[in-house]
Amino acid sequence: MTGRRVKSIERATLFVDDVGFALLFPTQRLVAPSLWEAVTGEDTEPFDAGMGKDEQKVWTWKDELPRRGLAWYGAFIAARSSFLSPALLAALYRGKGTVDDHESLPLSPAAHEIARALAGGPAPSAFLRTLIGDRNRYQRGVAALQRQLVVTTAGVQEHQTGWPSALLDLTYRRFDVGGGCDPGFATECFIDTMLEVTPADLTRAFGWPLATARAQLAELVDTGRARSDGISYLTRDVRIKS
């Protein structure tokens, strides 16, 4: 992470557009860009001293960016809280961009019920949890919908007492998606950001079958958009070690 720290939501938007995807907070289990590190630098631990100004800023942006249609947010990259730029989202979105996109996907009954409840507009998480009637089923359903990019957050709903509830909405209503699925573009974006990847890295990040990841990376090599050292795939700007 180099350059000026991200201090505004406008700069946060540019950051996500530049890298294509970013985690909300970094994790040792996955090397990837994160909005937290773009705001504070690489050596600052989030919540080390509680909810400070930087934590509050990033926590607010995770709701505002998708609410404004500036970046998709949900549990996607390696099933962790993450952002996608609108361009990468469109390339990864497999549906038609309609209210019933979820119907053709292998989702649980709870996930389908949540998506149908959102057909009329965004709804708070508290309402959706009550609708499903079981917290674990609700959480698994939302996670599956986000992993399929069907649902995103859309701001928050304030309450007179207690924490505000996250608003959820169907992705197609917030972003221009449908009919633009382009796994080649998505793969090139991933390798350009990560610099050096394996098919397993791509599978873990996007949830693709390993065979699909291998085929997409091989196509980049065949078309001169990436190189391979026999094990990893590298962006054209990275030198292959001798």
C-alpha atoms as a PDB file:
ATOM      1  CA  MET A   1       0.000   0.000   0.000  1.00  0.00           C
ATOM      2  CA  THR A   2       1.612   3.234  -1.147  1.00  0.00           C
ATOM      3  CA  GLY A   3       0.536   6.810  -1.731  1.00  0.00           C
ATOM      4  CA  ARG A   4      -1.682   9.169   0.248  1.00  0.00           C
ATOM      5  CA  ARG A   5      -3.993   7.748   2.909  1.00  0.00           C
ATOM      6  CA  VAL A   6      -7.688   7.576   2.050  1.00  0.00           C
ATOM      7  CA  LYS A   7      -9.459  10.283   4.062  1.00  0.00           C
ATOM      8  CA  SER A   8     -12.790  10.757   2.266  1.00  0.00           C
ATOM      9  CA  ILE A   9     -15.519   8.584   0.802  1.00  0.00           C
ATOM     10  CA  GLU A  10     -14.659   9.975  -2.627  1.00  0.00           C
ATOM     11  CA  ARG A  11     -11.088   8.718  -2.243  1.00  0.00           C
ATOM     12  CA  ALA A  12     -12.410   5.416  -0.910  1.00  0.00           C
ATOM     13  CA  THR A  13     -14.444   5.061  -4.102  1.00  0.00           C
ATOM     14  CA  LEU A  14     -11.379   5.735  -6.238  1.00  0.00           C
ATOM     15  CA  PHE A  15      -9.385   3.213  -4.205  1.00  0.00           C
ATOM     16  CA  VAL A  16     -11.923   0.415  -4.748  1.00  0.00           C
ATOM     17  CA  ASP A  17     -12.210   1.316  -8.438  1.00  0.00           C
ATOM     18  CA  ASP A  18      -8.415   1.117  -8.744  1.00  0.00           C
ATOM     19  CA  VAL A  19      -7.884  -2.253  -7.059  1.00  0.00           C
ATOM     20  CA  GLY A  20     -11.210  -3.788  -8.152  1.00  0.00           C
ATOM     21  CA  PHE A  21     -11.788  -5.520  -4.826  1.00  0.00           C
ATOM     22  CA  ALA A  22     -10.806  -4.941  -1.211  1.00  0.00           C
ATOM     23  CA  LEU A  23     -11.471  -6.443   2.184  1.00  0.00           C
ATOM     24  CA  LEU A  24     -13.050  -4.289   4.871  1.00  0.00           C
ATOM     25  CA  PHE A  25     -10.325  -5.185   7.393  1.00  0.00           C
ATOM     26  CA  PRO A  26      -7.116  -7.161   6.723  1.00  0.00           C
ATOM     27  CA  THR A  27      -6.695 -10.747   7.844  1.00  0.00           C
ATOM     28  CA  GLN A  28      -3.583 -12.887   8.180  1.00  0.00           C
ATOM     29  CA  ARG A  29      -5.384 -15.720   6.399  1.00  0.00           C
ATOM     30  CA  LEU A  30      -5.685 -13.794   3.131  1.00  0.00           C
ATOM     31  CA  VAL A  31      -3.281 -11.356   1.494  1.00  0.00           C
ATOM     32  CA  ALA A  32      -5.442  -8.783  -0.297  1.00  0.00           C
ATOM     33  CA  PRO A  33      -6.015  -5.021  -0.334  1.00  0.00           C
ATOM     34  CA  SER A  34      -8.174  -3.692   2.496  1.00  0.00           C
ATOM     35  CA  LEU A  35      -9.963  -0.399   2.975  1.00  0.00           C
ATOM     36  CA  TRP A  36      -8.648  -0.223   6.543  1.00  0.00           C
ATOM     37  CA  GLU A  37      -5.017  -0.308   5.371  1.00  0.00           C
ATOM     38  CA  ALA A  38      -5.790   2.289   2.700  1.00  0.00           C
ATOM     39  CA  VAL A  39      -7.056   4.573   5.472  1.00  0.00           C
ATOM     40  CA  THR A  40      -4.466   3.920   8.191  1.00  0.00           C
ATOM     41  CA  GLY A  41      -1.468   2.115   6.725  1.00  0.00           C
ATOM     42  CA  GLU A  42      -0.295  -1.464   7.080  1.00  0.00           C
ATOM     43  CA  ASP A  43       0.897  -1.444  10.694  1.00  0.00           C
ATOM     44  CA  THR A  44      -2.242  -0.228  12.477  1.00  0.00           C
ATOM     45  CA  GLU A  45      -4.456  -2.796  14.177  1.00  0.00           C
ATOM     46  CA  PRO A  46      -8.195  -2.077  13.915  1.00  0.00           C
ATOM     47  CA  PHE A  47     -10.066  -1.614  17.198  1.00  0.00           C
ATOM     48  CA  ASP A  48      -6.794  -1.774  19.132  1.00  0.00           C
ATOM     49  CA  ALA A  49      -8.072   1.087  21.291  1.00  0.00           C
ATOM     50  CA  GLY A  50     -11.780   0.639  20.692  1.00  0.00           C
ATOM     51  CA  MET A  51     -13.919   2.490  18.154  1.00  0.00           C
ATOM     52  CA  GLY A  52     -11.682   5.383  17.141  1.00  0.00           C
ATOM     53  CA  LYS A  53     -12.090   7.952  14.358  1.00  0.00           C
ATOM     54  CA  ASP A  54     -10.618   5.680  11.687  1.00  0.00           C
ATOM     55  CA  GLU A  55     -12.710   2.705  12.763  1.00  0.00           C
ATOM     56  CA  GLN A  56     -15.842   4.872  12.730  1.00  0.00           C
ATOM     57  CA  LYS A  57     -14.952   6.204   9.290  1.00  0.00           C
ATOM     58  CA  VAL A  58     -14.460   2.775   7.719  1.00  0.00           C
ATOM     59  CA  TRP A  59     -17.515   1.374   9.507  1.00  0.00           C
ATOM     60  CA  THR A  60     -19.662   4.183   8.082  1.00  0.00           C
ATOM     61  CA  TRP A  61     -18.295   3.809   4.572  1.00  0.00           C
ATOM     62  CA  LYS A  62     -19.147   0.106   4.449  1.00  0.00           C
ATOM     63  CA  ASP A  63     -22.799   1.170   4.494  1.00  0.00           C
ATOM     64  CA  GLU A  64     -22.530   4.407   2.503  1.00  0.00           C
ATOM     65  CA  LEU A  65     -20.529   3.088  -0.453  1.00  0.00           C
ATOM     66  CA  PRO A  66     -23.157   0.513  -1.494  1.00  0.00           C
ATOM     67  CA  ARG A  67     -26.054   2.814  -0.529  1.00  0.00           C
ATOM     68  CA  ARG A  68     -24.792   5.370  -3.044  1.00  0.00           C
ATOM     69  CA  GLY A  69     -24.009   2.707  -5.642  1.00  0.00           C
ATOM     70  CA  LEU A  70     -20.276   3.479  -5.445  1.00  0.00           C
ATOM     71  CA  ALA A  71     -19.066  -0.007  -4.448  1.00  0.00           C
ATOM     72  CA  TRP A  72     -20.779  -3.312  -3.726  1.00  0.00           C
ATOM     73  CA  TYR A  73     -20.355  -4.631  -0.176  1.00  0.00           C
ATOM     74  CA  GLY A  74     -20.925  -8.055   1.339  1.00  0.00           C
ATOM     75  CA  ALA A  75     -19.298 -11.350   2.266  1.00  0.00           C
ATOM     76  CA  PHE A  76     -17.676 -12.257  -1.054  1.00  0.00           C
ATOM     77  CA  ILE A  77     -13.872 -12.328  -1.390  1.00  0.00           C
ATOM     78  CA  ALA A  78     -12.971 -15.614   0.313  1.00  0.00           C
ATOM     79  CA  ALA A  79     -16.404 -15.274   1.999  1.00  0.00           C
ATOM     80  CA  ARG A  80     -15.169 -12.277   3.996  1.00  0.00           C
ATOM     81  CA  SER A  81     -16.561  -8.740   4.278  1.00  0.00           C
ATOM     82  CA  SER A  82     -15.365  -7.041   1.126  1.00  0.00           C
ATOM     83  CA  PHE A  83     -15.995  -4.418  -1.544  1.00  0.00           C
ATOM     84  CA  LEU A  84     -16.208  -4.802  -5.309  1.00  0.00           C
ATOM     85  CA  SER A  85     -15.940  -2.013  -7.837  1.00  0.00           C
ATOM     86  CA  PRO A  86     -19.014  -1.654 -10.086  1.00  0.00           C
ATOM     87  CA  ALA A  87     -16.968  -2.837 -13.075  1.00  0.00           C
ATOM     88  CA  LEU A  88     -15.759  -6.017 -11.371  1.00  0.00           C
ATOM     89  CA  LEU A  89     -19.221  -6.641  -9.916  1.00  0.00           C
ATOM     90  CA  ALA A  90     -20.780  -6.506 -13.384  1.00  0.00           C
ATOM     91  CA  ALA A  91     -18.153  -8.934 -14.699  1.00  0.00           C
ATOM     92  CA  LEU A  92     -18.817 -11.415 -11.871  1.00  0.00           C
ATOM     93  CA  TYR A  93     -22.625 -11.128 -11.748  1.00  0.00           C
ATOM     94  CA  ARG A  94     -24.175 -14.168 -13.427  1.00  0.00           C
ATOM     95  CA  GLY A  95     -27.839 -13.187 -13.361  1.00  0.00           C
ATOM     96  CA  LYS A  96     -29.977 -11.260 -15.829  1.00  0.00           C
ATOM     97  CA  GLY A  97     -30.298  -8.251 -13.572  1.00  0.00           C
ATOM     98  CA  THR A  98     -33.907  -8.939 -12.573  1.00  0.00           C
ATOM     99  CA  VAL A  99     -35.810  -9.404  -9.339  1.00  0.00           C
ATOM    100  CA  ASP A 100     -35.890 -13.193  -9.700  1.00  0.00           C
ATOM    101  CA  ASP A 101     -32.168 -13.798 -10.358  1.00  0.00           C
ATOM    102  CA  HIS A 102     -31.974 -15.871  -7.173  1.00  0.00           C
ATOM    103  CA  GLU A 103     -34.528 -18.403  -8.396  1.00  0.00           C
ATOM    104  CA  SER A 104     -32.058 -20.126 -10.762  1.00  0.00           C
ATOM    105  CA  LEU A 105     -29.325 -20.444  -8.126  1.00  0.00           C
ATOM    106  CA  PRO A 106     -28.713 -23.426  -5.797  1.00  0.00           C
ATOM    107  CA  LEU A 107     -29.694 -21.648  -2.590  1.00  0.00           C
ATOM    108  CA  SER A 108     -31.346 -22.764   0.633  1.00  0.00           C
ATOM    109  CA  PRO A 109     -35.075 -22.172   1.246  1.00  0.00           C
ATOM    110  CA  ALA A 110     -34.131 -19.454   3.759  1.00  0.00           C
ATOM    111  CA  ALA A 111     -31.973 -17.660   1.173  1.00  0.00           C
ATOM    112  CA  HIS A 112     -34.772 -17.738  -1.393  1.00  0.00           C
ATOM    113  CA  GLU A 113     -37.224 -16.448   1.209  1.00  0.00           C
ATOM    114  CA  ILE A 114     -34.929 -13.523   2.043  1.00  0.00           C
ATOM    115  CA  ALA A 115     -34.523 -12.644  -1.652  1.00  0.00           C
ATOM    116  CA  ARG A 116     -38.286 -12.757  -2.206  1.00  0.00           C
ATOM    117  CA  ALA A 117     -38.814 -10.512   0.809  1.00  0.00           C
ATOM    118  CA  LEU A 118     -36.471  -7.964  -0.800  1.00  0.00           C
ATOM    119  CA  ALA A 119     -38.386  -7.976  -4.089  1.00  0.00           C
ATOM    120  CA  GLY A 120     -40.411  -4.958  -3.005  1.00  0.00           C
ATOM    121  CA  GLY A 121     -37.463  -2.920  -1.746  1.00  0.00           C
ATOM    122  CA  PRO A 122     -34.708  -2.829   0.889  1.00  0.00           C
ATOM    123  CA  ALA A 123     -35.440  -4.254   4.328  1.00  0.00           C
ATOM    124  CA  PRO A 124     -33.635  -4.104   7.691  1.00  0.00           C
ATOM    125  CA  SER A 125     -31.735  -7.145   8.894  1.00  0.00           C
ATOM    126  CA  ALA A 126     -33.820  -7.224  12.088  1.00  0.00           C
ATOM    127  CA  PHE A 127     -37.013  -7.690  10.065  1.00  0.00           C
ATOM    128  CA  LEU A 128     -35.463 -10.384   7.876  1.00  0.00           C
ATOM    129  CA  ARG A 129     -34.165 -12.313  10.896  1.00  0.00           C
ATOM    130  CA  THR A 130     -37.661 -12.297  12.370  1.00  0.00           C
ATOM    131  CA  LEU A 131     -39.069 -13.448   9.039  1.00  0.00           C
ATOM    132  CA  ILE A 132     -36.748 -16.468   8.902  1.00  0.00           C
ATOM    133  CA  GLY A 133     -37.245 -17.186  12.597  1.00  0.00           C
ATOM    134  CA  ASP A 134     -33.793 -18.621  13.241  1.00  0.00           C
ATOM    135  CA  ARG A 135     -30.640 -16.519  13.517  1.00  0.00           C
ATOM    136  CA  ASN A 136     -28.279 -19.175  12.141  1.00  0.00           C
ATOM    137  CA  ARG A 137     -30.507 -19.939   9.148  1.00  0.00           C
ATOM    138  CA  TYR A 138     -30.792 -16.222   8.460  1.00  0.00           C
ATOM    139  CA  GLN A 139     -27.027 -15.652   8.632  1.00  0.00           C
ATOM    140  CA  ARG A 140     -26.296 -18.629   6.372  1.00  0.00           C
ATOM    141  CA  GLY A 141     -28.956 -17.460   3.925  1.00  0.00           C
ATOM    142  CA  VAL A 142     -27.611 -13.922   3.688  1.00  0.00           C
ATOM    143  CA  ALA A 143     -24.023 -15.190   3.366  1.00  0.00           C
ATOM    144  CA  ALA A 144     -25.047 -17.448   0.478  1.00  0.00           C
ATOM    145  CA  LEU A 145     -26.921 -14.620  -1.262  1.00  0.00           C
ATOM    146  CA  GLN A 146     -23.915 -12.346  -0.937  1.00  0.00           C
ATOM    147  CA  ARG A 147     -21.531 -15.032  -2.143  1.00  0.00           C
ATOM    148  CA  GLN A 148     -23.725 -15.219  -5.257  1.00  0.00           C
ATOM    149  CA  LEU A 149     -23.726 -11.382  -5.402  1.00  0.00           C
ATOM    150  CA  VAL A 150     -27.546 -11.302  -5.309  1.00  0.00           C
ATOM    151  CA  VAL A 151     -27.754  -9.124  -2.178  1.00  0.00           C
ATOM    152  CA  THR A 152     -25.780  -6.135  -0.920  1.00  0.00           C
ATOM    153  CA  THR A 153     -26.085  -3.725   1.983  1.00  0.00           C
ATOM    154  CA  ALA A 154     -27.935  -0.464   1.368  1.00  0.00           C
ATOM    155  CA  GLY A 155     -27.277   1.766   4.367  1.00  0.00           C
ATOM    156  CA  VAL A 156     -28.742   1.428   7.850  1.00  0.00           C
ATOM    157  CA  GLN A 157     -32.051   1.952   9.619  1.00  0.00           C
ATOM    158  CA  GLU A 158     -31.784   3.832  12.876  1.00  0.00           C
ATOM    159  CA  HIS A 159     -33.723   2.758  15.976  1.00  0.00           C
ATOM    160  CA  GLN A 160     -34.772   4.775  19.010  1.00  0.00           C
ATOM    161  CA  THR A 161     -32.798   2.382  21.200  1.00  0.00           C
ATOM    162  CA  GLY A 162     -29.944  -0.009  20.464  1.00  0.00           C
ATOM    163  CA  TRP A 163     -27.747  -0.383  17.406  1.00  0.00           C
ATOM    164  CA  PRO A 164     -29.062   0.520  13.935  1.00  0.00           C
ATOM    165  CA  SER A 165     -30.021  -2.351  11.621  1.00  0.00           C
ATOM    166  CA  ALA A 166     -28.229  -2.864   8.327  1.00  0.00           C
ATOM    167  CA  LEU A 167     -30.504  -2.457   5.329  1.00  0.00           C
ATOM    168  CA  LEU A 168     -30.235  -5.170   2.694  1.00  0.00           C
ATOM    169  CA  ASP A 169     -31.270  -4.837  -0.926  1.00  0.00           C
ATOM    170  CA  LEU A 170     -31.083  -6.791  -4.163  1.00  0.00           C
ATOM    171  CA  THR A 171     -27.872  -5.988  -6.014  1.00  0.00           C
ATOM    172  CA  TYR A 172     -29.545  -5.400  -9.359  1.00  0.00           C
ATOM    173  CA  ARG A 173     -31.542  -2.514  -7.868  1.00  0.00           C
ATOM    174  CA  ARG A 174     -28.404  -0.698  -6.660  1.00  0.00           C
ATOM    175  CA  PHE A 175     -25.976  -1.428  -9.499  1.00  0.00           C
ATOM    176  CA  ASP A 176     -25.994  -1.839 -13.262  1.00  0.00           C
ATOM    177  CA  VAL A 177     -25.658  -5.617 -13.525  1.00  0.00           C
ATOM    178  CA  GLY A 178     -27.063  -8.360 -15.705  1.00  0.00           C
ATOM    179  CA  GLY A 179     -25.938  -9.665 -19.065  1.00  0.00           C
ATOM    180  CA  GLY A 180     -22.359  -8.457 -18.624  1.00  0.00           C
ATOM    181  CA  CYS A 181     -20.740 -11.490 -17.008  1.00  0.00           C
ATOM    182  CA  ASP A 182     -17.103 -11.540 -18.137  1.00  0.00           C
ATOM    183  CA  PRO A 183     -14.934 -14.041 -16.224  1.00  0.00           C
ATOM    184  CA  GLY A 184     -11.939 -13.132 -18.362  1.00  0.00           C
ATOM    185  CA  PHE A 185     -12.086  -9.498 -17.259  1.00  0.00           C
ATOM    186  CA  ALA A 186     -12.623 -10.565 -13.636  1.00  0.00           C
ATOM    187  CA  THR A 187      -9.602 -12.878 -13.772  1.00  0.00           C
ATOM    188  CA  GLU A 188      -7.414 -10.186 -15.306  1.00  0.00           C
ATOM    189  CA  CYS A 189      -8.513  -7.725 -12.614  1.00  0.00           C
ATOM    190  CA  PHE A 190      -7.655 -10.264  -9.912  1.00  0.00           C
ATOM    191  CA  ILE A 191      -4.192 -11.036 -11.227  1.00  0.00           C
ATOM    192  CA  ASP A 192      -3.388  -7.359 -11.919  1.00  0.00           C
ATOM    193  CA  THR A 193      -4.178  -6.531  -8.284  1.00  0.00           C
ATOM    194  CA  MET A 194      -2.574  -9.587  -6.677  1.00  0.00           C
ATOM    195  CA  LEU A 195       0.413  -9.650  -9.120  1.00  0.00           C
ATOM    196  CA  GLU A 196       1.063 -13.384  -8.651  1.00  0.00           C
ATOM    197  CA  VAL A 197      -1.647 -16.016  -8.112  1.00  0.00           C
ATOM    198  CA  THR A 198      -2.412 -19.711  -8.365  1.00  0.00           C
ATOM    199  CA  PRO A 199      -5.678 -21.279  -9.535  1.00  0.00           C
ATOM    200  CA  ALA A 200      -6.414 -22.106  -5.892  1.00  0.00           C
ATOM    201  CA  ASP A 201      -6.121 -18.400  -5.004  1.00  0.00           C
ATOM    202  CA  LEU A 202      -8.686 -17.501  -7.647  1.00  0.00           C
ATOM    203  CA  THR A 203     -11.000 -20.310  -6.542  1.00  0.00           C
ATOM    204  CA  ARG A 204     -10.862 -19.200  -2.941  1.00  0.00           C
ATOM    205  CA  ALA A 205     -11.419 -15.539  -3.761  1.00  0.00           C
ATOM    206  CA  PHE A 206     -14.296 -15.817  -6.242  1.00  0.00           C
ATOM    207  CA  GLY A 207     -15.736 -19.207  -5.276  1.00  0.00           C
ATOM    208  CA  TRP A 208     -15.198 -20.622  -8.775  1.00  0.00           C
ATOM    209  CA  PRO A 209     -14.569 -24.333  -9.439  1.00  0.00           C
ATOM    210  CA  LEU A 210     -10.857 -25.061  -9.680  1.00  0.00           C
ATOM    211  CA  ALA A 211     -11.211 -26.157 -13.301  1.00  0.00           C
ATOM    212  CA  THR A 212     -12.790 -22.805 -14.176  1.00  0.00           C
ATOM    213  CA  ALA A 213     -10.000 -20.912 -12.443  1.00  0.00           C
ATOM    214  CA  ARG A 214      -7.346 -22.889 -14.319  1.00  0.00           C
ATOM    215  CA  ALA A 215      -9.076 -22.348 -17.648  1.00  0.00           C
ATOM    216  CA  GLN A 216      -9.453 -18.603 -17.136  1.00  0.00           C
ATOM    217  CA  LEU A 217      -5.826 -18.150 -16.098  1.00  0.00           C
ATOM    218  CA  ALA A 218      -4.616 -20.265 -19.010  1.00  0.00           C
ATOM    219  CA  GLU A 219      -6.652 -18.105 -21.391  1.00  0.00           C
ATOM    220  CA  LEU A 220      -4.922 -14.986 -20.079  1.00  0.00           C
ATOM    221  CA  VAL A 221      -1.567 -16.580 -20.846  1.00  0.00           C
ATOM    222  CA  ASP A 222      -2.728 -17.660 -24.319  1.00  0.00           C
ATOM    223  CA  THR A 223      -3.851 -14.121 -25.145  1.00  0.00           C
ATOM    224  CA  GLY A 224      -0.714 -12.481 -23.736  1.00  0.00           C
ATOM    225  CA  ARG A 225      -2.437 -10.803 -20.794  1.00  0.00           C
ATOM    226  CA  ALA A 226      -0.506 -12.829 -18.181  1.00  0.00           C
ATOM    227  CA  ARG A 227       2.485 -15.144 -17.874  1.00  0.00           C
ATOM    228  CA  SER A 228       3.149 -18.366 -16.009  1.00  0.00           C
ATOM    229  CA  ASP A 229       6.267 -19.771 -14.376  1.00  0.00           C
ATOM    230  CA  GLY A 230       4.769 -23.255 -14.390  1.00  0.00           C
ATOM    231  CA  ILE A 231       3.228 -22.912 -10.931  1.00  0.00           C
ATOM    232  CA  SER A 232       1.912 -19.376 -10.544  1.00  0.00           C
ATOM    233  CA  TYR A 233       0.358 -16.903 -12.937  1.00  0.00           C
ATOM    234  CA  LEU A 234       1.794 -13.405 -13.008  1.00  0.00           C
ATOM    235  CA  THR A 235       0.732 -10.053 -14.354  1.00  0.00           C
ATOM    236  CA  ARG A 236       2.770  -8.933 -17.351  1.00  0.00           C
ATOM    237  CA  ASP A 237       4.598  -6.327 -15.240  1.00  0.00           C
ATOM    238  CA  VAL A 238       6.091  -8.850 -12.777  1.00  0.00           C
ATOM    239  CA  ARG A 239       9.430 -10.452 -13.670  1.00  0.00           C
ATOM    240  CA  ILE A 240       9.534 -14.258 -13.568  1.00  0.00           C
ATOM    241  CA  LYS A 241      12.189 -15.453 -11.160  1.00  0.00           C
ATOM    242  CA  SER A 242      15.060 -17.390 -12.786  1.00  0.00           C
END
